[in-house]
Amino acid sequence: MVKSKTIVVSGLKDMDAGFSDGFDFTIMDLDEGITTKTYLNPVDRGNLNYELTSNFYNTSENLYFSSVYYDPEEFKITITNLNANYVEGTFSGKMKNLENQEIIDITDGRFFAPTRF
């Protein structure tokens, strides 16, 4: 198993468009390092040793959503596989746009990305 204290996953709708619709998340685990498990935002109050942030960008409507500002609803990321070649998992939850207070519900999100150390 690969151990890292921080993981960042980012995806864009159109890699050739420059700034494009996209989704990203960052997990910093200050204790055991990133591993295969579920990370919650807001952080599971029994484990204050990690931080999770996630963001969604809708460039066509110039909107930015974040899971950080929507409390107490959950946003969760589950890492199902992490090795020297890739990270894989799922994500779901609510995100909020601070400018217009719009809330979106993300369901059935999946990610698969190569790892770089």
Protein backbone atom coordinates (compact mmCIF):
# COMPACT_ATOMS: atom_id res chain seq x y z
CA MET A 1 0.00 0.00 0.00
CA VAL A 2 1.25 3.46 -0.93
CA LYS A 3 1.21 6.06 1.87
CA SER A 4 0.92 9.77 1.27
CA LYS A 5 -0.14 12.60 3.58
CA THR A 6 -1.95 14.54 0.81
CA ILE A 7 -3.88 13.56 -2.28
CA VAL A 8 -5.23 15.92 -4.96
CA VAL A 9 -7.48 14.72 -7.78
CA SER A 10 -8.61 17.11 -10.50
CA GLY A 11 -10.63 16.58 -13.65
CA LEU A 12 -11.74 18.86 -16.48
CA LYS A 13 -14.56 18.51 -18.98
CA ASP A 14 -12.35 19.69 -21.85
CA MET A 15 -8.57 19.51 -21.38
CA ASP A 16 -7.96 21.56 -24.56
CA ALA A 17 -10.23 24.47 -23.59
CA GLY A 18 -7.91 26.05 -21.04
CA PHE A 19 -10.28 26.93 -18.20
CA SER A 20 -13.08 24.35 -18.36
CA ASP A 21 -15.85 22.88 -16.24
CA GLY A 22 -14.20 20.71 -13.66
CA PHE A 23 -14.17 19.01 -10.30
CA ASP A 24 -11.36 18.63 -7.81
CA PHE A 25 -10.77 17.45 -4.29
CA THR A 26 -7.95 17.49 -1.80
CA ILE A 27 -7.54 15.29 1.26
CA MET A 28 -4.81 15.96 3.80
CA ASP A 29 -4.41 13.28 6.45
CA LEU A 30 -2.20 14.50 9.26
CA ASP A 31 -2.18 11.20 11.09
CA GLU A 32 -2.05 7.87 9.26
CA GLY A 33 -1.70 9.13 5.69
CA ILE A 34 -4.17 8.63 2.87
CA THR A 35 -5.57 5.13 2.76
CA THR A 36 -8.58 3.22 1.43
CA LYS A 37 -11.47 4.52 3.53
CA THR A 38 -14.28 7.09 3.53
CA TYR A 39 -13.43 10.74 4.22
CA LEU A 40 -16.23 13.12 5.25
CA ASN A 41 -16.75 16.86 5.07
CA PRO A 42 -17.51 18.08 7.61
CA VAL A 43 -14.82 15.94 9.16
CA ASP A 44 -15.97 13.04 11.28
CA ARG A 45 -15.80 14.74 14.68
CA GLY A 46 -14.15 11.66 16.12
CA ASN A 47 -11.19 12.11 13.76
CA LEU A 48 -9.90 15.65 13.46
CA ASN A 49 -6.65 14.53 11.82
CA TYR A 50 -7.69 15.05 8.22
CA GLU A 51 -9.14 17.79 6.04
CA LEU A 52 -11.27 17.38 2.91
CA THR A 53 -12.12 20.07 0.39
CA SER A 54 -13.94 19.62 -2.91
CA ASN A 55 -14.85 22.11 -5.62
CA PHE A 56 -16.95 22.18 -8.78
CA TYR A 57 -16.55 24.79 -11.52
CA ASN A 58 -19.26 25.57 -14.10
CA THR A 59 -17.53 27.95 -16.51
CA SER A 60 -20.45 28.39 -18.90
CA GLU A 61 -22.48 29.99 -16.11
CA ASN A 62 -19.46 31.31 -14.17
CA LEU A 63 -20.41 29.37 -11.03
CA TYR A 64 -18.19 27.93 -8.33
CA PHE A 65 -19.40 25.44 -5.74
CA SER A 66 -17.60 24.10 -2.69
CA SER A 67 -18.32 21.42 -0.11
CA VAL A 68 -16.48 23.43 2.53
CA TYR A 69 -19.27 25.96 3.00
CA TYR A 70 -22.25 23.64 3.25
CA ASP A 71 -22.53 22.44 6.82
CA PRO A 72 -23.89 20.26 8.36
CA GLU A 73 -24.66 18.22 5.22
CA GLU A 74 -22.10 15.65 4.25
CA PHE A 75 -19.82 15.43 1.31
CA LYS A 76 -17.97 12.16 1.20
CA ILE A 77 -15.14 10.69 -0.78
CA THR A 78 -14.38 7.00 -0.56
CA ILE A 79 -11.01 5.80 -1.77
CA THR A 80 -11.49 2.19 -2.85
CA ASN A 81 -8.06 1.57 -4.37
CA LEU A 82 -4.73 3.37 -3.98
CA ASN A 83 -1.45 2.06 -5.33
CA ALA A 84 1.71 3.23 -7.08
CA ASN A 85 -0.16 3.44 -10.41
CA TYR A 86 -3.59 4.90 -9.68
CA VAL A 87 -6.20 6.08 -7.17
CA GLU A 88 -9.84 5.10 -7.54
CA GLY A 89 -13.05 5.77 -5.68
CA THR A 90 -16.44 7.45 -5.39
CA PHE A 91 -17.84 10.79 -4.23
CA SER A 92 -21.23 12.28 -3.37
CA GLY A 93 -22.85 15.00 -1.31
CA LYS A 94 -23.96 18.62 -1.32
CA MET A 95 -22.01 21.66 -2.48
CA LYS A 96 -22.88 25.34 -2.11
CA ASN A 97 -22.28 28.44 -4.20
CA LEU A 98 -21.52 31.25 -1.75
CA GLU A 99 -22.42 33.99 -4.20
CA ASN A 100 -26.03 32.98 -4.91
CA GLN A 101 -26.50 30.35 -2.15
CA GLU A 102 -27.50 27.71 -4.72
CA ILE A 103 -27.00 24.14 -3.49
CA ILE A 104 -26.28 21.24 -5.80
CA ASP A 105 -26.45 17.55 -4.97
CA ILE A 106 -23.69 15.39 -6.43
CA THR A 107 -24.62 11.71 -6.73
CA ASP A 108 -22.85 8.61 -8.03
CA GLY A 109 -19.54 10.37 -8.71
CA ARG A 110 -16.58 8.18 -9.61
CA PHE A 111 -12.91 8.88 -10.17
CA PHE A 112 -9.92 7.01 -11.50
CA ALA A 113 -6.63 8.89 -11.85
CA PRO A 114 -2.96 8.05 -12.24
CA THR A 115 -0.80 8.68 -9.19
CA ARG A 116 2.39 10.71 -9.11
CA PHE A 117 4.72 10.84 -6.12
